[in-house]
Amino acid sequence: MADTLRLDKWLWQARFFKTRTLAAKFVASGGVRLNTNCVDKPAATVKPGDGLAFALGQQVRVVRIVALGTRRGPAPEAQALYDDLTPEAPTPAKRVGARPTKKQRRDMEIFRDAAALSGLEFDPSAD
């Protein structure tokens, strides 16, 4: 097995992208950092111990490469190629109180429109 592997091929084998072409386009767009350096070439080489950071959907993924794959295998095999260092996403705020009724929502809209016409700003979170 080789000591290095192309970045786009590794991302595809680790199942971050459905096709190698999508992985190559993503890397070419400059969306990947390899050991804190911005990479825009899909042919950049990676080796075990390297760190990757990239935005995938709404989440920023941070991974450390543990192994280089030989094929695009099943998910458990792909997950063994990296350590996921992605920080935990903050939990969304819980709703306080009951959901407003339709009449209450209409009243809030009227209040917001009146505040906008008068030049005031309405912040519903401020009490």
Protein backbone atom coordinates (compact mmCIF):
# COMPACT_ATOMS: atom_id res chain seq x y z
CA MET A 1 0.00 0.00 0.00
CA ALA A 2 1.25 3.51 -0.80
CA ASP A 3 2.31 5.99 1.88
CA THR A 4 0.17 8.80 0.42
CA LEU A 5 -3.14 9.13 -1.40
CA ARG A 6 -4.87 11.84 -3.41
CA LEU A 7 -7.13 14.03 -1.27
CA ASP A 8 -10.20 13.65 -3.52
CA LYS A 9 -9.82 9.88 -3.57
CA TRP A 10 -9.48 9.70 0.22
CA LEU A 11 -12.58 11.87 0.77
CA TRP A 12 -14.51 9.58 -1.59
CA GLN A 13 -13.23 6.40 0.08
CA ALA A 14 -14.10 7.78 3.52
CA ARG A 15 -17.65 8.33 2.22
CA PHE A 16 -17.79 12.10 2.71
CA PHE A 17 -18.84 12.42 -0.95
CA LYS A 18 -20.95 10.17 -3.12
CA THR A 19 -18.65 10.37 -6.15
CA ARG A 20 -14.99 11.11 -6.64
CA THR A 21 -15.92 13.85 -9.10
CA LEU A 22 -17.94 15.65 -6.42
CA ALA A 23 -15.01 15.34 -4.03
CA ALA A 24 -12.62 16.77 -6.64
CA LYS A 25 -14.94 19.71 -7.38
CA PHE A 26 -15.32 20.44 -3.67
CA VAL A 27 -11.55 20.45 -3.12
CA ALA A 28 -11.02 22.59 -6.24
CA SER A 29 -13.46 25.17 -4.87
CA GLY A 30 -11.05 25.73 -1.96
CA GLY A 31 -13.33 24.37 0.73
CA VAL A 32 -10.78 22.07 2.39
CA ARG A 33 -7.99 22.82 4.84
CA LEU A 34 -5.19 20.30 5.12
CA ASN A 35 -3.12 20.80 8.28
CA THR A 36 -4.44 24.42 8.52
CA ASN A 37 -3.42 25.19 4.91
CA CYS A 38 -6.11 25.92 2.34
CA VAL A 39 -5.97 23.34 -0.46
CA ASP A 40 -7.49 23.83 -3.92
CA LYS A 41 -5.90 20.93 -5.80
CA PRO A 42 -7.67 17.55 -5.73
CA ALA A 43 -4.30 15.87 -6.35
CA ALA A 44 -2.91 17.10 -3.01
CA THR A 45 -1.55 14.13 -1.12
CA VAL A 46 -2.63 13.06 2.34
CA LYS A 47 -1.05 10.61 4.76
CA PRO A 48 -1.98 9.16 8.14
CA GLY A 49 -1.73 11.80 10.85
CA ASP A 50 -2.88 14.69 8.62
CA GLY A 51 -5.79 16.85 9.75
CA LEU A 52 -8.65 17.95 7.51
CA ALA A 53 -11.27 20.63 8.08
CA PHE A 54 -14.13 21.30 5.67
CA ALA A 55 -17.71 22.54 5.70
CA LEU A 56 -20.18 19.85 4.76
CA GLY A 57 -23.78 21.01 4.74
CA GLN A 58 -24.48 23.07 7.86
CA GLN A 59 -21.62 21.50 9.81
CA VAL A 60 -17.85 22.04 9.82
CA ARG A 61 -16.17 18.64 9.89
CA VAL A 62 -12.75 18.23 11.48
CA VAL A 63 -11.09 14.84 11.04
CA ARG A 64 -7.68 13.28 11.56
CA ILE A 65 -6.64 10.72 8.95
CA VAL A 66 -5.86 7.39 10.60
CA ALA A 67 -5.42 5.17 7.56
CA LEU A 68 -5.43 5.23 3.78
CA GLY A 69 -8.03 3.02 2.18
CA THR A 70 -7.58 0.60 -0.66
CA ARG A 71 -11.21 0.70 -1.79
CA ARG A 72 -14.52 2.42 -1.12
CA GLY A 73 -15.96 -0.15 1.21
CA PRO A 74 -18.95 -0.21 3.55
CA ALA A 75 -19.56 2.55 6.08
CA PRO A 76 -17.85 0.82 9.07
CA GLU A 77 -14.73 0.32 6.96
CA ALA A 78 -14.84 3.96 5.83
CA GLN A 79 -15.27 5.25 9.40
CA ALA A 80 -12.12 3.37 10.42
CA LEU A 81 -10.11 5.63 8.08
CA TYR A 82 -10.46 8.72 10.30
CA ASP A 83 -10.98 10.06 13.81
CA ASP A 84 -13.84 12.54 13.96
CA LEU A 85 -12.73 15.63 15.90
CA THR A 86 -15.78 17.71 14.98
CA PRO A 87 -16.87 19.85 17.92
CA GLU A 88 -20.32 19.19 19.32
CA ALA A 89 -23.01 21.40 17.82
CA PRO A 90 -24.74 23.65 20.34
CA THR A 91 -28.17 22.44 21.32
CA PRO A 92 -31.00 24.64 20.08
CA ALA A 93 -32.78 26.78 22.65
CA LYS A 94 -35.82 25.22 24.20
CA ARG A 95 -39.18 26.90 23.78
CA VAL A 96 -40.27 28.84 26.83
CA GLY A 97 -43.98 28.75 27.43
CA ALA A 98 -46.73 27.59 25.14
CA ARG A 99 -46.87 28.18 21.42
CA PRO A 100 -48.67 31.43 20.53
CA THR A 101 -52.19 31.15 19.20
CA LYS A 102 -53.15 32.45 15.78
CA LYS A 103 -54.67 35.58 17.31
CA GLN A 104 -51.53 36.26 19.33
CA ARG A 105 -49.38 35.87 16.21
CA ARG A 106 -51.59 38.35 14.32
CA ASP A 107 -51.31 40.80 17.20
CA MET A 108 -47.51 40.45 17.17
CA GLU A 109 -47.43 41.13 13.40
CA ILE A 110 -49.55 44.27 13.85
CA PHE A 111 -47.22 45.43 16.62
CA ARG A 112 -44.12 44.77 14.47
CA ASP A 113 -45.63 46.66 11.50
CA ALA A 114 -46.52 49.62 13.70
CA ALA A 115 -43.03 49.64 15.22
CA ALA A 116 -41.44 49.52 11.75
CA LEU A 117 -43.54 52.47 10.56
CA SER A 118 -42.57 54.53 13.59
CA GLY A 119 -38.86 53.71 13.18
CA LEU A 120 -38.61 51.57 16.29
CA GLU A 121 -37.11 48.12 16.26
CA PHE A 122 -38.90 45.20 17.87
CA ASP A 123 -36.86 42.48 19.56
CA PRO A 124 -39.12 39.63 20.75
CA SER A 125 -36.36 38.12 22.89
CA ALA A 126 -35.96 41.29 24.98
CA ASP A 127 -38.29 41.45 27.93
